[in-house]
Amino acid sequence: MIAVDAGVAIVDRLIGIGWRPREEGNFGLPGTPKTPDHKLPAVRLYPPNTTAWFIELLTVPRSEDEGNSWTRLELPSGHYGLPCFRYLSIAAHDPIKTALGLYCARPEMMALANLLEHPVIGTQTMNSLFAGRSIKRGNKDLGRVLALARLSENEIENWHEAWHRAIKTCFPTNWRNLAVHAGDGLRALLDSREDMMEAFITCITGLLAYRAVTQDQLRITGLRLVQEVIEPLEQAAGRMD
């Protein structure tokens, strides 16, 4: 399998130049041949001489029907998993090519992928604490949507057309259903004081750590996103309220 061969090659190369596995958390240590695929830890690597950030290896779905899955990756240090999440095809859509030849996801595509992943706010919480507090995974990911919108304030008026193209390209047979529900989770977040607080905490300890922003300002960003991007997308999909 191409993804497995590429994953092994990437990990071997990075470890060979000093990158180190991230071993914190419930899934830090490698698995064994007996570990079920869905219980395998993802490959997370720190760069040399710092633990301020890390990379995680993922794969993109091969079709619009492929759901979340884990592919076993056998390394000399043990067994890991290559996660594949359904909406990563959106995040990988029309990437930006950097001067180094690397391709980076567009902020608007990362935002849309996170929105589609959470049409409702579930009860599952993150393994790690944020500011000493347990946070729902949905609130963390929807908070990321707000942070990306906040950081892209001068561009979000153009997000609607980009979202429309991406969702039709990646999900040609089901795009209308996805589009009309894309904003459901965010609306639920904005309507809940407790969920909004959790999202705000993840933002000010993460992407917006160096930006002076209040919870009210972040909520206004969310309302603007709904009005200027989500509602036009719903209208394009034929939503009738």
C-alpha atoms as a PDB file:
ATOM      1  CA  MET A   1       0.000   0.000   0.000  1.00  0.00           C
ATOM      2  CA  ILE A   2       1.380   3.387  -1.048  1.00  0.00           C
ATOM      3  CA  ALA A   3       0.347   5.173   2.166  1.00  0.00           C
ATOM      4  CA  VAL A   4       2.080   2.580   4.356  1.00  0.00           C
ATOM      5  CA  ASP A   5       5.287   2.574   2.311  1.00  0.00           C
ATOM      6  CA  ALA A   6       5.364   6.372   2.280  1.00  0.00           C
ATOM      7  CA  GLY A   7       4.637   6.523   6.017  1.00  0.00           C
ATOM      8  CA  VAL A   8       7.500   4.156   6.862  1.00  0.00           C
ATOM      9  CA  ALA A   9       9.897   6.089   4.616  1.00  0.00           C
ATOM     10  CA  ILE A  10       8.921   9.444   6.143  1.00  0.00           C
ATOM     11  CA  VAL A  11       9.259   8.223   9.718  1.00  0.00           C
ATOM     12  CA  ASP A  12      12.596   6.505   9.064  1.00  0.00           C
ATOM     13  CA  ARG A  13      13.969   9.669   7.449  1.00  0.00           C
ATOM     14  CA  LEU A  14      12.789  11.990  10.218  1.00  0.00           C
ATOM     15  CA  ILE A  15      13.972   9.769  13.069  1.00  0.00           C
ATOM     16  CA  GLY A  16      17.296   9.436  11.278  1.00  0.00           C
ATOM     17  CA  ILE A  17      17.808  13.214  11.466  1.00  0.00           C
ATOM     18  CA  GLY A  18      16.793  13.577  15.098  1.00  0.00           C
ATOM     19  CA  TRP A  19      13.001  13.716  15.276  1.00  0.00           C
ATOM     20  CA  ARG A  20      11.535  11.949  18.331  1.00  0.00           C
ATOM     21  CA  PRO A  21       8.192  10.219  19.004  1.00  0.00           C
ATOM     22  CA  ARG A  22       5.721  12.075  21.206  1.00  0.00           C
ATOM     23  CA  GLU A  23       5.015   9.670  24.046  1.00  0.00           C
ATOM     24  CA  GLU A  24       2.669  11.709  26.259  1.00  0.00           C
ATOM     25  CA  GLY A  25      -0.996  10.856  26.604  1.00  0.00           C
ATOM     26  CA  ASN A  26      -3.002   7.659  26.588  1.00  0.00           C
ATOM     27  CA  PHE A  27      -1.780   6.582  23.153  1.00  0.00           C
ATOM     28  CA  GLY A  28       1.873   7.596  23.211  1.00  0.00           C
ATOM     29  CA  LEU A  29       3.566   4.211  23.305  1.00  0.00           C
ATOM     30  CA  PRO A  30       3.638   1.943  20.218  1.00  0.00           C
ATOM     31  CA  GLY A  31       1.318  -1.030  19.922  1.00  0.00           C
ATOM     32  CA  THR A  32       2.077  -4.664  19.196  1.00  0.00           C
ATOM     33  CA  PRO A  33       0.860  -7.116  16.531  1.00  0.00           C
ATOM     34  CA  LYS A  34      -2.025  -7.942  18.888  1.00  0.00           C
ATOM     35  CA  THR A  35      -3.195  -4.349  19.291  1.00  0.00           C
ATOM     36  CA  PRO A  36      -6.473  -3.731  17.381  1.00  0.00           C
ATOM     37  CA  ASP A  37      -6.061  -1.252  14.532  1.00  0.00           C
ATOM     38  CA  HIS A  38      -8.373   1.331  16.124  1.00  0.00           C
ATOM     39  CA  LYS A  39      -6.324   1.202  19.352  1.00  0.00           C
ATOM     40  CA  LEU A  40      -2.991   1.917  17.671  1.00  0.00           C
ATOM     41  CA  PRO A  41      -1.314   5.264  18.426  1.00  0.00           C
ATOM     42  CA  ALA A  42      -0.885   7.734  15.598  1.00  0.00           C
ATOM     43  CA  VAL A  43       2.634   8.674  14.530  1.00  0.00           C
ATOM     44  CA  ARG A  44       3.428  11.959  16.282  1.00  0.00           C
ATOM     45  CA  LEU A  45       6.974  13.296  16.081  1.00  0.00           C
ATOM     46  CA  TYR A  46       8.735  16.216  17.763  1.00  0.00           C
ATOM     47  CA  PRO A  47      11.398  18.029  15.743  1.00  0.00           C
ATOM     48  CA  PRO A  48      14.954  18.062  17.135  1.00  0.00           C
ATOM     49  CA  ASN A  49      15.572  20.188  20.257  1.00  0.00           C
ATOM     50  CA  THR A  50      11.985  21.263  20.965  1.00  0.00           C
ATOM     51  CA  THR A  51       8.645  19.973  22.233  1.00  0.00           C
ATOM     52  CA  ALA A  52       6.737  23.155  21.334  1.00  0.00           C
ATOM     53  CA  TRP A  53       5.044  21.437  18.399  1.00  0.00           C
ATOM     54  CA  PHE A  54       4.855  18.101  16.600  1.00  0.00           C
ATOM     55  CA  ILE A  55       3.667  16.579  13.344  1.00  0.00           C
ATOM     56  CA  GLU A  56       1.134  13.778  12.959  1.00  0.00           C
ATOM     57  CA  LEU A  57       0.884  11.525   9.926  1.00  0.00           C
ATOM     58  CA  LEU A  58      -2.582  11.183   8.351  1.00  0.00           C
ATOM     59  CA  THR A  59      -4.027   9.827   5.123  1.00  0.00           C
ATOM     60  CA  VAL A  60      -6.734  11.265   2.876  1.00  0.00           C
ATOM     61  CA  PRO A  61      -9.864   9.251   1.927  1.00  0.00           C
ATOM     62  CA  ARG A  62      -9.773   7.663  -1.528  1.00  0.00           C
ATOM     63  CA  SER A  63     -13.457   8.353  -2.210  1.00  0.00           C
ATOM     64  CA  GLU A  64     -16.389  10.298  -0.775  1.00  0.00           C
ATOM     65  CA  ASP A  65     -17.788   7.088   0.717  1.00  0.00           C
ATOM     66  CA  GLU A  66     -14.735   6.207   2.791  1.00  0.00           C
ATOM     67  CA  GLY A  67     -15.226   6.868   6.495  1.00  0.00           C
ATOM     68  CA  ASN A  68     -12.864   7.077   9.449  1.00  0.00           C
ATOM     69  CA  SER A  69     -10.307   4.274   9.538  1.00  0.00           C
ATOM     70  CA  TRP A  70      -6.841   3.309  10.788  1.00  0.00           C
ATOM     71  CA  THR A  71      -4.157   1.630   8.669  1.00  0.00           C
ATOM     72  CA  ARG A  72      -1.508  -0.365  10.535  1.00  0.00           C
ATOM     73  CA  LEU A  73       2.035   0.956  10.189  1.00  0.00           C
ATOM     74  CA  GLU A  74       4.773  -1.455  11.294  1.00  0.00           C
ATOM     75  CA  LEU A  75       7.956   0.302  12.404  1.00  0.00           C
ATOM     76  CA  PRO A  76      11.095  -1.040  14.104  1.00  0.00           C
ATOM     77  CA  SER A  77       9.927   0.556  17.376  1.00  0.00           C
ATOM     78  CA  GLY A  78       6.452  -1.030  17.231  1.00  0.00           C
ATOM     79  CA  HIS A  79       3.066  -0.745  15.558  1.00  0.00           C
ATOM     80  CA  TYR A  80       1.361   2.580  14.860  1.00  0.00           C
ATOM     81  CA  GLY A  81      -1.731   3.680  12.958  1.00  0.00           C
ATOM     82  CA  LEU A  82      -2.245   6.008  10.017  1.00  0.00           C
ATOM     83  CA  PRO A  83      -5.604   7.694  10.714  1.00  0.00           C
ATOM     84  CA  CYS A  84      -7.928   8.541   7.874  1.00  0.00           C
ATOM     85  CA  PHE A  85     -10.820  10.893   8.598  1.00  0.00           C
ATOM     86  CA  ARG A  86     -13.700  11.382   6.205  1.00  0.00           C
ATOM     87  CA  TYR A  87     -13.382  15.136   5.752  1.00  0.00           C
ATOM     88  CA  LEU A  88      -9.607  15.306   5.316  1.00  0.00           C
ATOM     89  CA  SER A  89     -10.274  15.413   1.577  1.00  0.00           C
ATOM     90  CA  ILE A  90     -11.673  18.900   2.165  1.00  0.00           C
ATOM     91  CA  ALA A  91      -8.590  19.983   4.125  1.00  0.00           C
ATOM     92  CA  ALA A  92      -6.368  18.709   1.301  1.00  0.00           C
ATOM     93  CA  HIS A  93      -8.394  20.439  -1.432  1.00  0.00           C
ATOM     94  CA  ASP A  94      -6.537  23.051  -3.528  1.00  0.00           C
ATOM     95  CA  PRO A  95      -3.512  23.353  -1.166  1.00  0.00           C
ATOM     96  CA  ILE A  96      -1.054  26.235  -1.203  1.00  0.00           C
ATOM     97  CA  LYS A  97       2.408  25.420  -2.556  1.00  0.00           C
ATOM     98  CA  THR A  98       5.170  27.060  -0.517  1.00  0.00           C
ATOM     99  CA  ALA A  99       8.582  28.235  -1.685  1.00  0.00           C
ATOM    100  CA  LEU A 100      10.056  25.027  -0.225  1.00  0.00           C
ATOM    101  CA  GLY A 101       7.856  22.899  -2.453  1.00  0.00           C
ATOM    102  CA  LEU A 102       5.615  21.773   0.419  1.00  0.00           C
ATOM    103  CA  TYR A 103       1.841  21.955   0.141  1.00  0.00           C
ATOM    104  CA  CYS A 104      -0.147  23.530   2.997  1.00  0.00           C
ATOM    105  CA  ALA A 105      -3.865  23.371   3.672  1.00  0.00           C
ATOM    106  CA  ARG A 106      -5.804  26.584   3.184  1.00  0.00           C
ATOM    107  CA  PRO A 107      -7.325  28.091   6.380  1.00  0.00           C
ATOM    108  CA  GLU A 108     -10.810  28.066   4.856  1.00  0.00           C
ATOM    109  CA  MET A 109     -10.492  24.382   3.959  1.00  0.00           C
ATOM    110  CA  MET A 110      -9.341  23.444   7.467  1.00  0.00           C
ATOM    111  CA  ALA A 111     -12.286  25.386   8.856  1.00  0.00           C
ATOM    112  CA  LEU A 112     -14.801  23.633   6.587  1.00  0.00           C
ATOM    113  CA  ALA A 113     -13.366  20.185   7.370  1.00  0.00           C
ATOM    114  CA  ASN A 114     -13.807  20.821  11.090  1.00  0.00           C
ATOM    115  CA  LEU A 115     -17.345  22.107  10.610  1.00  0.00           C
ATOM    116  CA  LEU A 116     -18.374  19.032   8.638  1.00  0.00           C
ATOM    117  CA  GLU A 117     -16.857  16.763  11.280  1.00  0.00           C
ATOM    118  CA  HIS A 118     -19.147  18.221  13.960  1.00  0.00           C
ATOM    119  CA  PRO A 119     -22.759  18.793  12.847  1.00  0.00           C
ATOM    120  CA  VAL A 120     -23.540  18.211  16.544  1.00  0.00           C
ATOM    121  CA  ILE A 121     -21.461  18.680  19.678  1.00  0.00           C
ATOM    122  CA  GLY A 122     -20.879  15.228  21.108  1.00  0.00           C
ATOM    123  CA  THR A 123     -19.918  14.253  24.646  1.00  0.00           C
ATOM    124  CA  GLN A 124     -16.433  12.877  23.876  1.00  0.00           C
ATOM    125  CA  THR A 125     -13.688  14.838  25.645  1.00  0.00           C
ATOM    126  CA  MET A 126     -10.049  15.381  24.769  1.00  0.00           C
ATOM    127  CA  ASN A 127      -7.355  13.201  26.334  1.00  0.00           C
ATOM    128  CA  SER A 128      -5.363  16.274  27.374  1.00  0.00           C
ATOM    129  CA  LEU A 129      -6.552  19.139  29.549  1.00  0.00           C
ATOM    130  CA  PHE A 130      -6.726  22.752  28.389  1.00  0.00           C
ATOM    131  CA  ALA A 131      -5.827  25.220  31.134  1.00  0.00           C
ATOM    132  CA  GLY A 132      -6.513  22.417  33.613  1.00  0.00           C
ATOM    133  CA  ARG A 133      -9.982  21.807  32.197  1.00  0.00           C
ATOM    134  CA  SER A 134     -11.563  18.878  30.375  1.00  0.00           C
ATOM    135  CA  ILE A 135     -12.846  19.998  26.961  1.00  0.00           C
ATOM    136  CA  LYS A 136     -15.294  18.360  24.552  1.00  0.00           C
ATOM    137  CA  ARG A 137     -13.626  17.369  21.290  1.00  0.00           C
ATOM    138  CA  GLY A 138     -16.382  19.088  19.309  1.00  0.00           C
ATOM    139  CA  ASN A 139     -15.828  22.351  21.159  1.00  0.00           C
ATOM    140  CA  LYS A 140     -12.089  22.149  20.521  1.00  0.00           C
ATOM    141  CA  ASP A 141     -12.554  21.589  16.779  1.00  0.00           C
ATOM    142  CA  LEU A 142     -15.319  24.177  16.405  1.00  0.00           C
ATOM    143  CA  GLY A 143     -13.154  26.575  18.405  1.00  0.00           C
ATOM    144  CA  ARG A 144     -10.486  26.015  15.770  1.00  0.00           C
ATOM    145  CA  VAL A 145     -13.019  27.125  13.140  1.00  0.00           C
ATOM    146  CA  LEU A 146     -13.564  30.368  15.047  1.00  0.00           C
ATOM    147  CA  ALA A 147      -9.827  30.911  15.474  1.00  0.00           C
ATOM    148  CA  LEU A 148      -9.158  30.380  11.764  1.00  0.00           C
ATOM    149  CA  ALA A 149     -11.946  32.806  10.893  1.00  0.00           C
ATOM    150  CA  ARG A 150     -10.593  35.345  13.373  1.00  0.00           C
ATOM    151  CA  LEU A 151      -7.117  35.085  11.863  1.00  0.00           C
ATOM    152  CA  SER A 152      -8.576  35.443   8.360  1.00  0.00           C
ATOM    153  CA  GLU A 153     -10.955  38.340   9.003  1.00  0.00           C
ATOM    154  CA  ASN A 154     -10.043  40.126   5.774  1.00  0.00           C
ATOM    155  CA  GLU A 155     -10.582  37.027   3.637  1.00  0.00           C
ATOM    156  CA  ILE A 156     -13.658  35.249   4.982  1.00  0.00           C
ATOM    157  CA  GLU A 157     -16.036  37.153   2.699  1.00  0.00           C
ATOM    158  CA  ASN A 158     -14.553  35.002  -0.097  1.00  0.00           C
ATOM    159  CA  TRP A 159     -14.819  31.694   1.774  1.00  0.00           C
ATOM    160  CA  HIS A 160     -18.317  30.875   0.555  1.00  0.00           C
ATOM    161  CA  GLU A 161     -17.314  30.342  -3.063  1.00  0.00           C
ATOM    162  CA  ALA A 162     -14.245  28.301  -2.066  1.00  0.00           C
ATOM    163  CA  TRP A 163     -16.357  26.114   0.236  1.00  0.00           C
ATOM    164  CA  HIS A 164     -18.959  25.600  -2.478  1.00  0.00           C
ATOM    165  CA  ARG A 165     -16.328  24.429  -4.987  1.00  0.00           C
ATOM    166  CA  ALA A 166     -14.567  22.170  -2.486  1.00  0.00           C
ATOM    167  CA  ILE A 167     -17.618  20.405  -1.130  1.00  0.00           C
ATOM    168  CA  LYS A 168     -18.989  19.750  -4.645  1.00  0.00           C
ATOM    169  CA  THR A 169     -15.609  18.405  -5.784  1.00  0.00           C
ATOM    170  CA  CYS A 170     -14.946  16.159  -2.786  1.00  0.00           C
ATOM    171  CA  PHE A 171     -18.533  14.961  -2.240  1.00  0.00           C
ATOM    172  CA  PRO A 172     -20.206  15.149  -5.660  1.00  0.00           C
ATOM    173  CA  THR A 173     -23.191  12.948  -4.784  1.00  0.00           C
ATOM    174  CA  ASN A 174     -23.812  14.093  -1.209  1.00  0.00           C
ATOM    175  CA  TRP A 175     -22.659  17.695  -1.171  1.00  0.00           C
ATOM    176  CA  ARG A 176     -26.113  19.244  -0.775  1.00  0.00           C
ATOM    177  CA  ASN A 177     -26.896  17.301   2.399  1.00  0.00           C
ATOM    178  CA  LEU A 178     -23.492  18.118   3.866  1.00  0.00           C
ATOM    179  CA  ALA A 179     -23.799  21.794   2.935  1.00  0.00           C
ATOM    180  CA  VAL A 180     -27.199  22.337   4.529  1.00  0.00           C
ATOM    181  CA  HIS A 181     -25.934  20.901   7.829  1.00  0.00           C
ATOM    182  CA  ALA A 182     -22.430  22.384   7.785  1.00  0.00           C
ATOM    183  CA  GLY A 183     -23.367  25.141  10.213  1.00  0.00           C
ATOM    184  CA  ASP A 184     -25.445  23.091  12.656  1.00  0.00           C
ATOM    185  CA  GLY A 185     -22.630  22.423  15.110  1.00  0.00           C
ATOM    186  CA  LEU A 186     -21.360  25.994  15.057  1.00  0.00           C
ATOM    187  CA  ARG A 187     -24.840  27.380  15.681  1.00  0.00           C
ATOM    188  CA  ALA A 188     -25.188  25.030  18.663  1.00  0.00           C
ATOM    189  CA  LEU A 189     -21.847  26.261  19.980  1.00  0.00           C
ATOM    190  CA  LEU A 190     -22.806  29.925  19.657  1.00  0.00           C
ATOM    191  CA  ASP A 191     -26.104  29.259  21.453  1.00  0.00           C
ATOM    192  CA  SER A 192     -24.473  27.538  24.456  1.00  0.00           C
ATOM    193  CA  ARG A 193     -22.606  29.596  27.072  1.00  0.00           C
ATOM    194  CA  GLU A 194     -20.788  26.530  28.430  1.00  0.00           C
ATOM    195  CA  ASP A 195     -19.725  25.162  25.035  1.00  0.00           C
ATOM    196  CA  MET A 196     -18.650  28.601  23.860  1.00  0.00           C
ATOM    197  CA  MET A 197     -16.515  29.004  26.977  1.00  0.00           C
ATOM    198  CA  GLU A 198     -14.763  25.709  26.255  1.00  0.00           C
ATOM    199  CA  ALA A 199     -14.094  26.729  22.654  1.00  0.00           C
ATOM    200  CA  PHE A 200     -12.771  30.097  23.824  1.00  0.00           C
ATOM    201  CA  ILE A 201     -10.355  28.407  26.244  1.00  0.00           C
ATOM    202  CA  THR A 202      -8.894  26.264  23.473  1.00  0.00           C
ATOM    203  CA  CYS A 203      -8.458  29.335  21.262  1.00  0.00           C
ATOM    204  CA  ILE A 204      -6.632  31.508  23.797  1.00  0.00           C
ATOM    205  CA  THR A 205      -4.348  28.623  24.750  1.00  0.00           C
ATOM    206  CA  GLY A 206      -3.803  27.654  21.107  1.00  0.00           C
ATOM    207  CA  LEU A 207      -4.130  29.473  17.788  1.00  0.00           C
ATOM    208  CA  LEU A 208      -5.085  32.807  19.365  1.00  0.00           C
ATOM    209  CA  ALA A 209      -2.624  32.663  22.273  1.00  0.00           C
ATOM    210  CA  TYR A 210      -0.826  35.754  20.977  1.00  0.00           C
ATOM    211  CA  ARG A 211      -3.945  37.655  19.928  1.00  0.00           C
ATOM    212  CA  ALA A 212      -5.898  39.844  22.317  1.00  0.00           C
ATOM    213  CA  VAL A 213      -9.452  38.565  21.892  1.00  0.00           C
ATOM    214  CA  THR A 214     -12.436  38.332  24.215  1.00  0.00           C
ATOM    215  CA  GLN A 215     -15.117  35.660  24.240  1.00  0.00           C
ATOM    216  CA  ASP A 216     -17.670  38.179  22.981  1.00  0.00           C
ATOM    217  CA  GLN A 217     -15.406  39.154  20.084  1.00  0.00           C
ATOM    218  CA  LEU A 218     -14.915  35.515  19.163  1.00  0.00           C
ATOM    219  CA  ARG A 219     -18.649  34.960  19.239  1.00  0.00           C
ATOM    220  CA  ILE A 220     -19.146  37.929  16.901  1.00  0.00           C
ATOM    221  CA  THR A 221     -16.642  36.310  14.532  1.00  0.00           C
ATOM    222  CA  GLY A 222     -18.769  33.170  14.629  1.00  0.00           C
ATOM    223  CA  LEU A 223     -21.960  35.083  13.886  1.00  0.00           C
ATOM    224  CA  ARG A 224     -20.268  36.768  10.955  1.00  0.00           C
ATOM    225  CA  LEU A 225     -19.120  33.384   9.657  1.00  0.00           C
ATOM    226  CA  VAL A 226     -22.682  32.097   9.813  1.00  0.00           C
ATOM    227  CA  GLN A 227     -24.098  35.129   8.017  1.00  0.00           C
ATOM    228  CA  GLU A 228     -21.445  35.652   5.338  1.00  0.00           C
ATOM    229  CA  VAL A 229     -20.324  32.090   4.579  1.00  0.00           C
ATOM    230  CA  ILE A 230     -22.570  29.380   5.994  1.00  0.00           C
ATOM    231  CA  GLU A 231     -25.937  30.868   5.020  1.00  0.00           C
ATOM    232  CA  PRO A 232     -24.883  31.452   1.372  1.00  0.00           C
ATOM    233  CA  LEU A 233     -23.580  27.865   1.234  1.00  0.00           C
ATOM    234  CA  GLU A 234     -26.903  26.576   2.561  1.00  0.00           C
ATOM    235  CA  GLN A 235     -28.778  28.657   0.013  1.00  0.00           C
ATOM    236  CA  ALA A 236     -26.600  27.303  -2.788  1.00  0.00           C
ATOM    237  CA  ALA A 237     -27.509  23.782  -1.644  1.00  0.00           C
ATOM    238  CA  GLY A 238     -31.204  24.643  -1.723  1.00  0.00           C
ATOM    239  CA  ARG A 239     -31.968  24.882   1.990  1.00  0.00           C
ATOM    240  CA  MET A 240     -35.470  26.184   2.589  1.00  0.00           C
ATOM    241  CA  ASP A 241     -36.311  27.579   6.068  1.00  0.00           C
END
